[in-house]
Protein backbone atom coordinates (compact mmCIF):
# COMPACT_ATOMS: atom_id res chain seq x y z
CA MET A 1 91.15 103.65 111.51
CA ILE A 2 88.74 106.18 112.95
CA LEU A 3 88.84 107.72 116.40
CA ASN A 4 86.63 110.61 117.51
CA ASN A 5 85.42 111.06 113.93
CA LYS A 6 89.00 111.52 112.68
CA PHE A 7 90.92 109.25 110.35
CA TYR A 8 94.39 108.21 111.50
CA ILE A 9 97.07 105.59 110.96
CA ASN A 10 99.12 104.60 114.01
CA ASN A 11 102.89 104.92 113.71
CA LEU A 12 102.80 106.54 110.27
CA LYS A 13 106.30 107.93 109.70
CA HIS A 14 106.77 108.14 105.96
CA ILE A 15 104.61 109.20 103.01
CA ILE A 16 105.36 108.24 99.40
CA PHE A 17 103.91 110.18 96.49
CA PHE A 18 104.01 108.89 92.94
CA ALA A 19 104.13 110.98 89.72
CA GLU A 20 103.90 114.80 89.76
CA SER A 21 101.59 117.37 91.28
CA ASP A 22 101.58 121.13 91.78
CA VAL A 23 100.75 120.59 95.44
CA PHE A 24 103.84 118.55 96.36
CA LYS A 25 105.67 121.52 97.87
CA ASN A 26 102.73 122.31 100.17
CA LEU A 27 102.25 118.67 101.10
CA ILE A 28 105.93 118.28 101.94
CA GLU A 29 105.85 121.39 104.13
CA THR A 30 102.79 120.03 105.95
CA ASN A 31 104.44 116.63 106.39
CA ASN A 32 107.61 118.26 107.74
CA ASN A 33 105.55 120.21 110.27
CA ILE A 34 104.13 116.98 111.66
CA ASP A 35 107.42 115.04 111.45
CA LEU A 36 106.51 112.85 108.47
CA LYS A 37 109.21 111.94 105.99
CA THR A 38 108.25 112.31 102.33
CA THR A 39 109.53 110.49 99.25
CA ILE A 40 108.47 111.31 95.71
CA ILE A 41 108.89 108.66 93.04
CA THR A 42 108.41 109.76 89.45
CA GLY A 43 109.57 109.19 85.89
CA SER A 44 112.18 111.30 84.08
CA HIS A 45 109.56 113.11 81.97
CA GLN A 46 107.57 114.30 85.00
CA ALA A 47 110.75 115.03 86.95
CA LYS A 48 111.47 117.90 84.56
CA ILE A 49 108.42 119.82 85.80
CA ILE A 50 108.81 119.16 89.54
CA ASN A 51 110.24 122.01 91.60
CA LYS A 52 114.03 121.55 91.66
CA LYS A 53 114.12 122.16 95.42
CA ILE A 54 112.13 118.97 96.00
CA ASN A 55 114.11 115.77 96.44
CA ILE A 56 112.80 113.05 94.12
CA LYS A 57 113.69 109.54 93.05
CA ILE A 58 113.42 108.85 89.32
CA PHE A 59 112.42 105.49 87.84
CA ASP A 60 111.25 105.06 84.26
CA LYS A 61 110.60 101.34 84.65
CA ILE A 62 109.53 99.00 87.38
CA ASN A 63 112.72 96.97 87.18
CA GLU A 64 115.33 95.56 89.57
CA ASN A 65 116.58 99.05 90.53
CA PHE A 66 113.06 100.08 91.48
CA LYS A 67 112.51 96.85 93.44
CA LYS A 68 115.82 97.31 95.29
CA PHE A 69 114.87 100.85 96.25
CA ILE A 70 111.44 99.80 97.50
CA ASN A 71 112.83 96.84 99.41
CA LYS A 72 115.48 99.08 100.99
CA LYS A 73 112.73 101.47 102.10
CA GLN A 74 110.46 98.60 103.11
CA THR A 75 110.47 99.56 106.78
CA TYR A 76 108.82 102.85 105.81
CA LEU A 77 106.14 101.07 103.83
CA LYS A 78 104.93 98.83 106.63
CA PHE A 79 102.66 99.94 109.40
CA LYS A 80 101.11 98.07 112.25
CA ASN A 81 97.91 96.31 111.28
CA GLU A 82 95.35 96.90 113.96
CA SER A 83 92.19 94.92 114.41
CA LYS A 84 89.34 96.34 116.41
């Protein structure tokens, strides 16, 4: 969605990052400043190199545990579909 030459998503409340990145800490701080919740999902190998102060969820396989977690967080993953 674009308004006044700016991209936006209405009612965005939660961001999910996958894998590992050096910029996660900065992104999380930015998200916190604008009241966005952040979840990081990664594998055990990449989890070893993520800053220990960052809360992460570790999954090595897309299995029933992963599906349960995603379904539990499903309300965060949905946003209102707007048509204009």
